[in-house]
PDB file of N, CA and C in Angstrom:
ATOM      1  N   MET A   1       6.886  -7.793  16.166  1.00  0.00           N
ATOM      2  CA  MET A   1       7.963  -7.051  16.796  1.00  0.00           C
ATOM      3  C   MET A   1       9.075  -6.860  15.753  1.00  0.00           C
ATOM      4  N   THR A   2       9.564  -5.639  15.618  1.00  0.00           N
ATOM      5  CA  THR A   2      10.612  -5.367  14.633  1.00  0.00           C
ATOM      6  C   THR A   2      11.966  -5.858  15.141  1.00  0.00           C
ATOM      7  N   ASN A   3      12.941  -5.886  14.253  1.00  0.00           N
ATOM      8  CA  ASN A   3      14.289  -6.337  14.642  1.00  0.00           C
ATOM      9  C   ASN A   3      14.885  -5.440  15.722  1.00  0.00           C
ATOM     10  N   LYS A   4      14.670  -4.108  15.592  1.00  0.00           N
ATOM     11  CA  LYS A   4      15.204  -3.186  16.601  1.00  0.00           C
ATOM     12  C   LYS A   4      14.574  -3.455  17.961  1.00  0.00           C
ATOM     13  N   THR A   5      13.253  -3.635  17.959  1.00  0.00           N
ATOM     14  CA  THR A   5      12.571  -3.902  19.217  1.00  0.00           C
ATOM     15  C   THR A   5      13.050  -5.219  19.801  1.00  0.00           C
ATOM     16  N   GLN A   6      13.193  -6.244  18.947  1.00  0.00           N
ATOM     17  CA  GLN A   6      13.653  -7.548  19.419  1.00  0.00           C
ATOM     18  C   GLN A   6      15.052  -7.435  20.012  1.00  0.00           C
ATOM     19  N   SER A   7      15.906  -6.626  19.402  1.00  0.00           N
ATOM     20  CA  SER A   7      17.262  -6.425  19.941  1.00  0.00           C
ATOM     21  C   SER A   7      17.205  -5.799  21.328  1.00  0.00           C
ATOM     22  N   LEU A   8      16.342  -4.806  21.500  1.00  0.00           N
ATOM     23  CA  LEU A   8      16.199  -4.174  22.813  1.00  0.00           C
ATOM     24  C   LEU A   8      15.645  -5.163  23.837  1.00  0.00           C
ATOM     25  N   VAL A   9      14.678  -5.966  23.407  1.00  0.00           N
ATOM     26  CA  VAL A   9      14.108  -6.979  24.293  1.00  0.00           C
ATOM     27  C   VAL A   9      15.186  -7.970  24.717  1.00  0.00           C
ATOM     28  N   ASN A  10      16.034  -8.366  23.788  1.00  0.00           N
ATOM     29  CA  ASN A  10      17.116  -9.303  24.113  1.00  0.00           C
ATOM     30  C   ASN A  10      18.083  -8.711  25.135  1.00  0.00           C
ATOM     31  N   VAL A  11      18.365  -7.417  25.017  1.00  0.00           N
ATOM     32  CA  VAL A  11      19.227  -6.739  25.996  1.00  0.00           C
ATOM     33  C   VAL A  11      18.570  -6.775  27.376  1.00  0.00           C
ATOM     34  N   ILE A  12      17.270  -6.460  27.411  1.00  0.00           N
ATOM     35  CA  ILE A  12      16.547  -6.479  28.695  1.00  0.00           C
ATOM     36  C   ILE A  12      16.548  -7.885  29.283  1.00  0.00           C
ATOM     37  N   LYS A  13      16.338  -8.892  28.435  1.00  0.00           N
ATOM     38  CA  LYS A  13      16.356 -10.281  28.912  1.00  0.00           C
ATOM     39  C   LYS A  13      17.735 -10.650  29.456  1.00  0.00           C
ATOM     40  N   GLY A  14      18.783 -10.204  28.783  1.00  0.00           N
ATOM     41  CA  GLY A  14      20.143 -10.494  29.244  1.00  0.00           C
ATOM     42  C   GLY A  14      20.413  -9.880  30.595  1.00  0.00           C
ATOM     43  N   ILE A  15      20.007  -8.634  30.757  1.00  0.00           N
ATOM     44  CA  ILE A  15      20.196  -7.953  32.048  1.00  0.00           C
ATOM     45  C   ILE A  15      19.381  -8.657  33.129  1.00  0.00           C
ATOM     46  N   THR A  16      18.157  -9.042  32.791  1.00  0.00           N
ATOM     47  CA  THR A  16      17.302  -9.739  33.757  1.00  0.00           C
ATOM     48  C   THR A  16      17.927 -11.073  34.163  1.00  0.00           C
ATOM     49  N   ALA A  17      18.479 -11.802  33.190  1.00  0.00           N
ATOM     50  CA  ALA A  17      19.130 -13.087  33.488  1.00  0.00           C
ATOM     51  C   ALA A  17      20.289 -12.883  34.454  1.00  0.00           C
ATOM     52  N   GLU A  18      21.057 -11.812  34.250  1.00  0.00           N
ATOM     53  CA  GLU A  18      22.176 -11.530  35.156  1.00  0.00           C
ATOM     54  C   GLU A  18      21.669 -11.195  36.556  1.00  0.00           C
ATOM     55  N   LEU A  19      20.563 -10.439  36.610  1.00  0.00           N
ATOM     56  CA  LEU A  19      19.990 -10.095  37.918  1.00  0.00           C
ATOM     57  C   LEU A  19      19.463 -11.338  38.629  1.00  0.00           C
ATOM     58  N   ILE A  20      18.844 -12.241  37.873  1.00  0.00           N
ATOM     59  CA  ILE A  20      18.324 -13.480  38.468  1.00  0.00           C
ATOM     60  C   ILE A  20      19.472 -14.322  39.020  1.00  0.00           C
ATOM     61  N   THR A  21      20.591 -14.347  38.295  1.00  0.00           N
ATOM     62  CA  THR A  21      21.765 -15.086  38.767  1.00  0.00           C
ATOM     63  C   THR A  21      22.282 -14.470  40.067  1.00  0.00           C
ATOM     64  N   ALA A  22      22.287 -13.150  40.099  1.00  0.00           N
ATOM     65  CA  ALA A  22      22.797 -12.465  41.291  1.00  0.00           C
ATOM     66  C   ALA A  22      21.814 -12.525  42.461  1.00  0.00           C
ATOM     67  N   PHE A  23      20.513 -12.530  42.143  1.00  0.00           N
ATOM     68  CA  PHE A  23      19.482 -12.526  43.188  1.00  0.00           C
ATOM     69  C   PHE A  23      18.440 -13.606  42.894  1.00  0.00           C
ATOM     70  N   PRO A  24      18.806 -14.873  43.071  1.00  0.00           N
ATOM     71  CA  PRO A  24      17.891 -15.974  42.715  1.00  0.00           C
ATOM     72  C   PRO A  24      16.565 -15.957  43.471  1.00  0.00           C
ATOM     73  N   ASP A  25      16.557 -15.420  44.673  1.00  0.00           N
ATOM     74  CA  ASP A  25      15.308 -15.364  45.446  1.00  0.00           C
ATOM     75  C   ASP A  25      14.285 -14.413  44.817  1.00  0.00           C
ATOM     76  N   GLU A  26      14.737 -13.533  43.954  1.00  0.00           N
ATOM     77  CA  GLU A  26      13.861 -12.541  43.317  1.00  0.00           C
ATOM     78  C   GLU A  26      13.451 -12.946  41.893  1.00  0.00           C
ATOM     79  N   LYS A  27      13.673 -14.210  41.537  1.00  0.00           N
ATOM     80  CA  LYS A  27      13.444 -14.671  40.166  1.00  0.00           C
ATOM     81  C   LYS A  27      12.033 -14.343  39.662  1.00  0.00           C
ATOM     82  N   ASP A  28      10.988 -14.719  40.419  1.00  0.00           N
ATOM     83  CA  ASP A  28       9.608 -14.491  39.973  1.00  0.00           C
ATOM     84  C   ASP A  28       9.320 -12.999  39.785  1.00  0.00           C
ATOM     85  N   SER A  29       9.772 -12.217  40.726  1.00  0.00           N
ATOM     86  CA  SER A  29       9.550 -10.774  40.649  1.00  0.00           C
ATOM     87  C   SER A  29      10.273 -10.188  39.438  1.00  0.00           C
ATOM     88  N   LEU A  30      11.503 -10.606  39.218  1.00  0.00           N
ATOM     89  CA  LEU A  30      12.284 -10.087  38.102  1.00  0.00           C
ATOM     90  C   LEU A  30      11.681 -10.496  36.750  1.00  0.00           C
ATOM     91  N   GLN A  31      11.176 -11.734  36.657  1.00  0.00           N
ATOM     92  CA  GLN A  31      10.559 -12.164  35.410  1.00  0.00           C
ATOM     93  C   GLN A  31       9.274 -11.383  35.130  1.00  0.00           C
ATOM     94  N   GLY A  32       8.509 -11.111  36.177  1.00  0.00           N
ATOM     95  CA  GLY A  32       7.297 -10.299  36.021  1.00  0.00           C
ATOM     96  C   GLY A  32       7.635  -8.893  35.556  1.00  0.00           C
ATOM     97  N   ARG A  33       8.688  -8.340  36.114  1.00  0.00           N
ATOM     98  CA  ARG A  33       9.118  -7.000  35.710  1.00  0.00           C
ATOM     99  C   ARG A  33       9.626  -6.996  34.275  1.00  0.00           C
ATOM    100  N   LEU A  34      10.270  -8.094  33.880  1.00  0.00           N
ATOM    101  CA  LEU A  34      10.750  -8.215  32.503  1.00  0.00           C
ATOM    102  C   LEU A  34       9.572  -8.141  31.538  1.00  0.00           C
ATOM    103  N   GLU A  35       8.513  -8.904  31.805  1.00  0.00           N
ATOM    104  CA  GLU A  35       7.341  -8.895  30.929  1.00  0.00           C
ATOM    105  C   GLU A  35       6.746  -7.493  30.829  1.00  0.00           C
ATOM    106  N   LYS A  36       6.622  -6.809  31.965  1.00  0.00           N
ATOM    107  CA  LYS A  36       6.082  -5.447  31.957  1.00  0.00           C
ATOM    108  C   LYS A  36       6.998  -4.497  31.186  1.00  0.00           C
ATOM    109  N   ALA A  37       8.307  -4.660  31.372  1.00  0.00           N
ATOM    110  CA  ALA A  37       9.267  -3.783  30.684  1.00  0.00           C
ATOM    111  C   ALA A  37       9.199  -3.975  29.181  1.00  0.00           C
ATOM    112  N   VAL A  38       9.117  -5.232  28.739  1.00  0.00           N
ATOM    113  CA  VAL A  38       9.052  -5.517  27.304  1.00  0.00           C
ATOM    114  C   VAL A  38       7.776  -4.932  26.720  1.00  0.00           C
ATOM    115  N   TYR A  39       6.645  -5.153  27.390  1.00  0.00           N
ATOM    116  CA  TYR A  39       5.368  -4.621  26.913  1.00  0.00           C
ATOM    117  C   TYR A  39       5.413  -3.094  26.890  1.00  0.00           C
ATOM    118  N   GLY A  40       5.919  -2.501  27.959  1.00  0.00           N
ATOM    119  CA  GLY A  40       6.003  -1.045  28.044  1.00  0.00           C
ATOM    120  C   GLY A  40       6.924  -0.465  26.988  1.00  0.00           C
ATOM    121  N   LEU A  41       8.027  -1.144  26.721  1.00  0.00           N
ATOM    122  CA  LEU A  41       8.976  -0.677  25.710  1.00  0.00           C
ATOM    123  C   LEU A  41       8.318  -0.664  24.334  1.00  0.00           C
ATOM    124  N   GLU A  42       7.662  -1.748  23.987  1.00  0.00           N
ATOM    125  CA  GLU A  42       7.027  -1.835  22.671  1.00  0.00           C
ATOM    126  C   GLU A  42       5.933  -0.773  22.540  1.00  0.00           C
ATOM    127  N   GLU A  43       5.105  -0.611  23.575  1.00  0.00           N
ATOM    128  CA  GLU A  43       4.052   0.409  23.535  1.00  0.00           C
ATOM    129  C   GLU A  43       4.644   1.805  23.374  1.00  0.00           C
ATOM    130  N   HIS A  44       5.727   2.085  24.105  1.00  0.00           N
ATOM    131  CA  HIS A  44       6.374   3.392  24.010  1.00  0.00           C
ATOM    132  C   HIS A  44       6.909   3.632  22.597  1.00  0.00           C
ATOM    133  N   LEU A  45       7.543   2.624  22.017  1.00  0.00           N
ATOM    134  CA  LEU A  45       8.098   2.777  20.671  1.00  0.00           C
ATOM    135  C   LEU A  45       6.995   2.988  19.636  1.00  0.00           C
ATOM    136  N   ILE A  46       5.860   2.317  19.817  1.00  0.00           N
ATOM    137  CA  ILE A  46       4.735   2.502  18.896  1.00  0.00           C
ATOM    138  C   ILE A  46       4.147   3.895  19.065  1.00  0.00           C
ATOM    139  N   GLU A  47       3.887   4.311  20.301  1.00  0.00           N
ATOM    140  CA  GLU A  47       3.309   5.633  20.561  1.00  0.00           C
ATOM    141  C   GLU A  47       4.233   6.752  20.088  1.00  0.00           C
ATOM    142  N   SER A  48       5.528   6.544  20.189  1.00  0.00           N
ATOM    143  CA  SER A  48       6.501   7.544  19.752  1.00  0.00           C
ATOM    144  C   SER A  48       6.723   7.483  18.245  1.00  0.00           C
ATOM    145  N   GLU A  49       6.035   6.560  17.596  1.00  0.00           N
ATOM    146  CA  GLU A  49       6.134   6.356  16.150  1.00  0.00           C
ATOM    147  C   GLU A  49       7.541   5.979  15.708  1.00  0.00           C
ATOM    148  N   ILE A  50       8.290   5.360  16.624  1.00  0.00           N
ATOM    149  CA  ILE A  50       9.613   4.838  16.280  1.00  0.00           C
ATOM    150  C   ILE A  50       9.433   3.550  15.493  1.00  0.00           C
ATOM    151  N   ILE A  51       8.440   2.759  15.892  1.00  0.00           N
ATOM    152  CA  ILE A  51       8.076   1.592  15.086  1.00  0.00           C
ATOM    153  C   ILE A  51       6.598   1.729  14.723  1.00  0.00           C
ATOM    154  N   PRO A  52       6.208   1.266  13.543  1.00  0.00           N
ATOM    155  CA  PRO A  52       4.816   1.427  13.123  1.00  0.00           C
ATOM    156  C   PRO A  52       3.888   0.474  13.862  1.00  0.00           C
ATOM    157  N   LYS A  53       2.635   0.910  14.016  1.00  0.00           N
ATOM    158  CA  LYS A  53       1.631   0.025  14.584  1.00  0.00           C
ATOM    159  C   LYS A  53       1.347  -1.073  13.580  1.00  0.00           C
ATOM    160  N   GLN A  54       1.156  -2.254  14.071  1.00  0.00           N
ATOM    161  CA  GLN A  54       0.796  -3.374  13.211  1.00  0.00           C
ATOM    162  C   GLN A  54      -0.725  -3.429  13.136  1.00  0.00           C
ATOM    163  N   PRO A  55      -1.268  -3.389  11.929  1.00  0.00           N
ATOM    164  CA  PRO A  55      -2.732  -3.415  11.817  1.00  0.00           C
ATOM    165  C   PRO A  55      -3.289  -4.762  12.274  1.00  0.00           C
ATOM    166  N   LYS A  56      -4.484  -4.709  12.802  1.00  0.00           N
ATOM    167  CA  LYS A  56      -5.167  -5.934  13.218  1.00  0.00           C
ATOM    168  C   LYS A  56      -6.217  -6.239  12.159  1.00  0.00           C
ATOM    169  N   PHE A  57      -6.036  -7.353  11.505  1.00  0.00           N
ATOM    170  CA  PHE A  57      -6.924  -7.728  10.416  1.00  0.00           C
ATOM    171  C   PHE A  57      -8.092  -8.548  10.937  1.00  0.00           C
ATOM    172  N   PRO A  58      -9.230  -8.488  10.277  1.00  0.00           N
ATOM    173  CA  PRO A  58      -9.514  -7.681   9.096  1.00  0.00           C
ATOM    174  C   PRO A  58      -9.703  -6.205   9.460  1.00  0.00           C
ATOM    175  N   ILE A  59      -9.393  -5.347   8.496  1.00  0.00           N
ATOM    176  CA  ILE A  59      -9.525  -3.900   8.658  1.00  0.00           C
ATOM    177  C   ILE A  59     -10.754  -3.445   7.897  1.00  0.00           C
ATOM    178  N   LYS A  60     -11.540  -2.588   8.522  1.00  0.00           N
ATOM    179  CA  LYS A  60     -12.721  -2.046   7.846  1.00  0.00           C
ATOM    180  C   LYS A  60     -12.340  -0.731   7.173  1.00  0.00           C
ATOM    181  N   ALA A  61     -12.901  -0.512   5.982  1.00  0.00           N
ATOM    182  CA  ALA A  61     -12.615   0.704   5.231  1.00  0.00           C
ATOM    183  C   ALA A  61     -13.879   1.144   4.495  1.00  0.00           C
ATOM    184  N   VAL A  62     -13.897   2.414   4.136  1.00  0.00           N
ATOM    185  CA  VAL A  62     -14.989   2.968   3.333  1.00  0.00           C
ATOM    186  C   VAL A  62     -14.390   3.406   2.007  1.00  0.00           C
ATOM    187  N   VAL A  63     -14.993   2.959   0.927  1.00  0.00           N
ATOM    188  CA  VAL A  63     -14.554   3.365  -0.407  1.00  0.00           C
ATOM    189  C   VAL A  63     -15.747   3.934  -1.159  1.00  0.00           C
ATOM    190  N   TYR A  64     -15.470   4.752  -2.167  1.00  0.00           N
ATOM    191  CA  TYR A  64     -16.518   5.367  -2.966  1.00  0.00           C
ATOM    192  C   TYR A  64     -16.316   5.020  -4.435  1.00  0.00           C
ATOM    193  N   LEU A  65     -17.398   4.680  -5.086  1.00  0.00           N
ATOM    194  CA  LEU A  65     -17.391   4.448  -6.525  1.00  0.00           C
ATOM    195  C   LEU A  65     -18.221   5.559  -7.173  1.00  0.00           C
ATOM    196  N   HIS A  66     -17.806   5.966  -8.345  1.00  0.00           N
ATOM    197  CA  HIS A  66     -18.492   7.060  -9.035  1.00  0.00           C
ATOM    198  C   HIS A  66     -18.829   6.645 -10.464  1.00  0.00           C
ATOM    199  N   SER A  67     -19.979   7.087 -10.932  1.00  0.00           N
ATOM    200  CA  SER A  67     -20.314   6.936 -12.346  1.00  0.00           C
ATOM    201  C   SER A  67     -20.481   8.342 -12.912  1.00  0.00           C
ATOM    202  N   SER A  68     -20.342   8.454 -14.208  1.00  0.00           N
ATOM    203  CA  SER A  68     -20.521   9.781 -14.816  1.00  0.00           C
ATOM    204  C   SER A  68     -21.989   9.989 -15.177  1.00  0.00           C
ATOM    205  N   LYS A  69     -22.411  11.238 -15.119  1.00  0.00           N
ATOM    206  CA  LYS A  69     -23.784  11.558 -15.504  1.00  0.00           C
ATOM    207  C   LYS A  69     -24.019  11.180 -16.963  1.00  0.00           C
ATOM    208  N   GLU A  70     -23.014  11.381 -17.786  1.00  0.00           N
ATOM    209  CA  GLU A  70     -23.146  11.101 -19.205  1.00  0.00           C
ATOM    210  C   GLU A  70     -23.396   9.614 -19.466  1.00  0.00           C
ATOM    211  N   SER A  71     -22.605   8.750 -18.790  1.00  0.00           N
ATOM    212  CA  SER A  71     -22.794   7.314 -19.025  1.00  0.00           C
ATOM    213  C   SER A  71     -24.148   6.844 -18.504  1.00  0.00           C
ATOM    214  N   MET A  72     -24.585   7.380 -17.381  1.00  0.00           N
ATOM    215  CA  MET A  72     -25.894   6.990 -16.852  1.00  0.00           C
ATOM    216  C   MET A  72     -27.016   7.522 -17.741  1.00  0.00           C
ATOM    217  N   TYR A  73     -26.812   8.692 -18.316  1.00  0.00           N
ATOM    218  CA  TYR A  73     -27.798   9.249 -19.256  1.00  0.00           C
ATOM    219  C   TYR A  73     -27.922   8.312 -20.463  1.00  0.00           C
ATOM    220  N   ASP A  74     -26.778   7.864 -20.983  1.00  0.00           N
ATOM    221  CA  ASP A  74     -26.776   6.946 -22.126  1.00  0.00           C
ATOM    222  C   ASP A  74     -27.465   5.628 -21.777  1.00  0.00           C
ATOM    223  N   ILE A  75     -27.211   5.116 -20.576  1.00  0.00           N
ATOM    224  CA  ILE A  75     -27.869   3.873 -20.147  1.00  0.00           C
ATOM    225  C   ILE A  75     -29.376   4.089 -20.054  1.00  0.00           C
ATOM    226  N   GLY A  76     -29.761   5.231 -19.487  1.00  0.00           N
ATOM    227  CA  GLY A  76     -31.197   5.558 -19.379  1.00  0.00           C
ATOM    228  C   GLY A  76     -31.865   5.658 -20.738  1.00  0.00           C
ATOM    229  N   GLU A  77     -31.161   6.254 -21.692  1.00  0.00           N
ATOM    230  CA  GLU A  77     -31.704   6.320 -23.061  1.00  0.00           C
ATOM    231  C   GLU A  77     -31.891   4.920 -23.627  1.00  0.00           C
ATOM    232  N   GLY A  78     -30.891   4.070 -23.382  1.00  0.00           N
ATOM    233  CA  GLY A  78     -30.978   2.688 -23.850  1.00  0.00           C
ATOM    234  C   GLY A  78     -32.130   1.934 -23.217  1.00  0.00           C
ATOM    235  N   LEU A  79     -32.482   2.314 -22.006  1.00  0.00           N
ATOM    236  CA  LEU A  79     -33.621   1.693 -21.322  1.00  0.00           C
ATOM    237  C   LEU A  79     -34.953   2.260 -21.805  1.00  0.00           C
ATOM    238  N   GLY A  80     -34.895   3.335 -22.578  1.00  0.00           N
ATOM    239  CA  GLY A  80     -36.119   3.947 -23.109  1.00  0.00           C
ATOM    240  C   GLY A  80     -36.789   4.913 -22.162  1.00  0.00           C
ATOM    241  N   LEU A  81     -36.024   5.484 -21.218  1.00  0.00           N
ATOM    242  CA  LEU A  81     -36.611   6.448 -20.280  1.00  0.00           C
ATOM    243  C   LEU A  81     -36.947   7.748 -21.000  1.00  0.00           C
ATOM    244  N   PRO A  82     -38.082   8.379 -20.631  1.00  0.00           N
ATOM    245  CA  PRO A  82     -38.419   9.685 -21.224  1.00  0.00           C
ATOM    246  C   PRO A  82     -37.465  10.763 -20.703  1.00  0.00           C
ATOM    247  N   GLU A  83     -37.423  11.896 -21.361  1.00  0.00           N
ATOM    248  CA  GLU A  83     -36.485  12.984 -21.047  1.00  0.00           C
ATOM    249  C   GLU A  83     -36.544  13.413 -19.575  1.00  0.00           C
ATOM    250  N   GLU A  84     -37.740  13.547 -19.032  1.00  0.00           N
ATOM    251  CA  GLU A  84     -37.881  13.968 -17.627  1.00  0.00           C
ATOM    252  C   GLU A  84     -37.249  12.940 -16.683  1.00  0.00           C
ATOM    253  N   ALA A  85     -37.446  11.677 -16.971  1.00  0.00           N
ATOM    254  CA  ALA A  85     -36.870  10.613 -16.142  1.00  0.00           C
ATOM    255  C   ALA A  85     -35.350  10.569 -16.309  1.00  0.00           C
ATOM    256  N   LEU A  86     -34.870  10.836 -17.526  1.00  0.00           N
ATOM    257  CA  LEU A  86     -33.416  10.846 -17.771  1.00  0.00           C
ATOM    258  C   LEU A  86     -32.712  11.897 -16.932  1.00  0.00           C
ATOM    259  N   SER A  87     -33.362  13.054 -16.746  1.00  0.00           N
ATOM    260  CA  SER A  87     -32.742  14.136 -15.967  1.00  0.00           C
ATOM    261  C   SER A  87     -32.555  13.735 -14.499  1.00  0.00           C
ATOM    262  N   LYS A  88     -33.339  12.776 -14.012  1.00  0.00           N
ATOM    263  CA  LYS A  88     -33.173  12.253 -12.651  1.00  0.00           C
ATOM    264  C   LYS A  88     -32.227  11.048 -12.641  1.00  0.00           C
ATOM    265  N   PHE A  89     -32.432  10.142 -13.625  1.00  0.00           N
ATOM    266  CA  PHE A  89     -31.671   8.890 -13.659  1.00  0.00           C
ATOM    267  C   PHE A  89     -30.177   9.119 -13.880  1.00  0.00           C
ATOM    268  N   MET A  90     -29.819  10.223 -14.542  1.00  0.00           N
ATOM    269  CA  MET A  90     -28.396  10.449 -14.831  1.00  0.00           C
ATOM    270  C   MET A  90     -27.560  10.616 -13.562  1.00  0.00           C
ATOM    271  N   TYR A  91     -28.211  10.852 -12.418  1.00  0.00           N
ATOM    272  CA  TYR A  91     -27.483  10.959 -11.143  1.00  0.00           C
ATOM    273  C   TYR A  91     -27.408   9.625 -10.399  1.00  0.00           C
ATOM    274  N   CYS A  92     -27.991   8.589 -10.998  1.00  0.00           N
ATOM    275  CA  CYS A  92     -27.955   7.257 -10.368  1.00  0.00           C
ATOM    276  C   CYS A  92     -26.500   6.802 -10.236  1.00  0.00           C
ATOM    277  N   CYS A  93     -26.136   6.335  -9.080  1.00  0.00           N
ATOM    278  CA  CYS A  93     -24.786   5.820  -8.799  1.00  0.00           C
ATOM    279  C   CYS A  93     -23.700   6.872  -9.003  1.00  0.00           C
ATOM    280  N   TYR A  94     -24.075   8.150  -8.896  1.00  0.00           N
ATOM    281  CA  TYR A  94     -23.084   9.219  -9.050  1.00  0.00           C
ATOM    282  C   TYR A  94     -22.000   9.086  -7.995  1.00  0.00           C
ATOM    283  N   GLU A  95     -22.407   8.741  -6.765  1.00  0.00           N
ATOM    284  CA  GLU A  95     -21.442   8.457  -5.698  1.00  0.00           C
ATOM    285  C   GLU A  95     -22.021   7.358  -4.822  1.00  0.00           C
ATOM    286  N   VAL A  96     -21.373   6.208  -4.838  1.00  0.00           N
ATOM    287  CA  VAL A  96     -21.836   5.060  -4.062  1.00  0.00           C
ATOM    288  C   VAL A  96     -20.816   4.777  -2.962  1.00  0.00           C
ATOM    289  N   LYS A  97     -21.302   4.757  -1.740  1.00  0.00           N
ATOM    290  CA  LYS A  97     -20.449   4.483  -0.572  1.00  0.00           C
ATOM    291  C   LYS A  97     -20.497   2.983  -0.292  1.00  0.00           C
ATOM    292  N   ILE A  98     -19.307   2.367  -0.166  1.00  0.00           N
ATOM    293  CA  ILE A  98     -19.232   0.938   0.091  1.00  0.00           C
ATOM    294  C   ILE A  98     -18.361   0.694   1.320  1.00  0.00           C
ATOM    295  N   ASN A  99     -18.900  -0.034   2.273  1.00  0.00           N
ATOM    296  CA  ASN A  99     -18.140  -0.442   3.456  1.00  0.00           C
ATOM    297  C   ASN A  99     -17.565  -1.825   3.182  1.00  0.00           C
ATOM    298  N   ILE A 100     -16.244  -1.946   3.333  1.00  0.00           N
ATOM    299  CA  ILE A 100     -15.589  -3.221   3.063  1.00  0.00           C
ATOM    300  C   ILE A 100     -14.759  -3.663   4.264  1.00  0.00           C
ATOM    301  N   GLU A 101     -14.417  -4.940   4.250  1.00  0.00           N
ATOM    302  CA  GLU A 101     -13.537  -5.525   5.255  1.00  0.00           C
ATOM    303  C   GLU A 101     -12.376  -6.156   4.484  1.00  0.00           C
ATOM    304  N   VAL A 102     -11.144  -5.731   4.794  1.00  0.00           N
ATOM    305  CA  VAL A 102      -9.967  -6.175   4.053  1.00  0.00           C
ATOM    306  C   VAL A 102      -9.136  -7.115   4.919  1.00  0.00           C
ATOM    307  N   ASN A 103      -8.765  -8.245   4.333  1.00  0.00           N
ATOM    308  CA  ASN A 103      -7.923  -9.228   5.018  1.00  0.00           C
ATOM    309  C   ASN A 103      -6.455  -8.975   4.711  1.00  0.00           C
ATOM    310  N   GLU A 104      -5.598  -9.550   5.518  1.00  0.00           N
ATOM    311  CA  GLU A 104      -4.154  -9.361   5.380  1.00  0.00           C
ATOM    312  C   GLU A 104      -3.643  -9.782   4.000  1.00  0.00           C
ATOM    313  N   ASP A 105      -4.279 -10.777   3.389  1.00  0.00           N
ATOM    314  CA  ASP A 105      -3.828 -11.252   2.079  1.00  0.00           C
ATOM    315  C   ASP A 105      -4.397 -10.436   0.919  1.00  0.00           C
ATOM    316  N   GLY A 106      -5.148  -9.363   1.232  1.00  0.00           N
ATOM    317  CA  GLY A 106      -5.691  -8.497   0.198  1.00  0.00           C
ATOM    318  C   GLY A 106      -7.087  -8.863  -0.255  1.00  0.00           C
ATOM    319  N   THR A 107      -7.591  -9.996   0.197  1.00  0.00           N
ATOM    320  CA  THR A 107      -8.968 -10.327  -0.140  1.00  0.00           C
ATOM    321  C   THR A 107      -9.880  -9.410   0.656  1.00  0.00           C
ATOM    322  N   TYR A 108     -11.098  -9.259   0.173  1.00  0.00           N
ATOM    323  CA  TYR A 108     -12.024  -8.329   0.838  1.00  0.00           C
ATOM    324  C   TYR A 108     -13.442  -8.861   0.763  1.00  0.00           C
ATOM    325  N   LYS A 109     -14.282  -8.265   1.592  1.00  0.00           N
ATOM    326  CA  LYS A 109     -15.696  -8.598   1.619  1.00  0.00           C
ATOM    327  C   LYS A 109     -16.472  -7.291   1.668  1.00  0.00           C
ATOM    328  N   ILE A 110     -17.497  -7.167   0.832  1.00  0.00           N
ATOM    329  CA  ILE A 110     -18.350  -5.992   0.861  1.00  0.00           C
ATOM    330  C   ILE A 110     -19.357  -6.197   1.981  1.00  0.00           C
ATOM    331  N   LEU A 111     -19.387  -5.243   2.918  1.00  0.00           N
ATOM    332  CA  LEU A 111     -20.298  -5.343   4.062  1.00  0.00           C
ATOM    333  C   LEU A 111     -21.653  -4.757   3.722  1.00  0.00           C
ATOM    334  N   ASN A 112     -21.655  -3.556   3.138  1.00  0.00           N
ATOM    335  CA  ASN A 112     -22.906  -2.927   2.699  1.00  0.00           C
ATOM    336  C   ASN A 112     -22.560  -1.740   1.796  1.00  0.00           C
ATOM    337  N   CYS A 113     -23.571  -1.243   1.137  1.00  0.00           N
ATOM    338  CA  CYS A 113     -23.354  -0.077   0.281  1.00  0.00           C
ATOM    339  C   CYS A 113     -24.620   0.764   0.224  1.00  0.00           C
ATOM    340  N   GLY A 114     -24.448   2.000  -0.178  1.00  0.00           N
ATOM    341  CA  GLY A 114     -25.565   2.934  -0.314  1.00  0.00           C
ATOM    342  C   GLY A 114     -25.090   4.194  -0.977  1.00  0.00           C
ATOM    343  N   GLU A 115     -26.052   5.007  -1.381  1.00  0.00           N
ATOM    344  CA  GLU A 115     -25.691   6.279  -2.034  1.00  0.00           C
ATOM    345  C   GLU A 115     -25.604   7.382  -1.007  1.00  0.00           C
TER     346      GLU A 115
END
């Protein structure tokens, strides 16, 4: 919860406390309404983009790695591939898709990868 949201929540709590003092028989109902109001306020502020959504970690992401045809061609030559095979091998790892999971501290885990 941001400072602005917390300030608004504190105002709502203050008003609720005054209402409870004035109407003690309605304490349970007023406290229930307070919880709903606080939740509704925060949701409204997030949906209105007044406050940013807080990501829920770990977050899944897709990243791509690329190799150059030239470097793969050179590697293929070093492996002793014939010319016909080099023309195919040079596209190896040209674009590799990797699914990762990122933690709040920046650490990550590779889930899977493929071309």
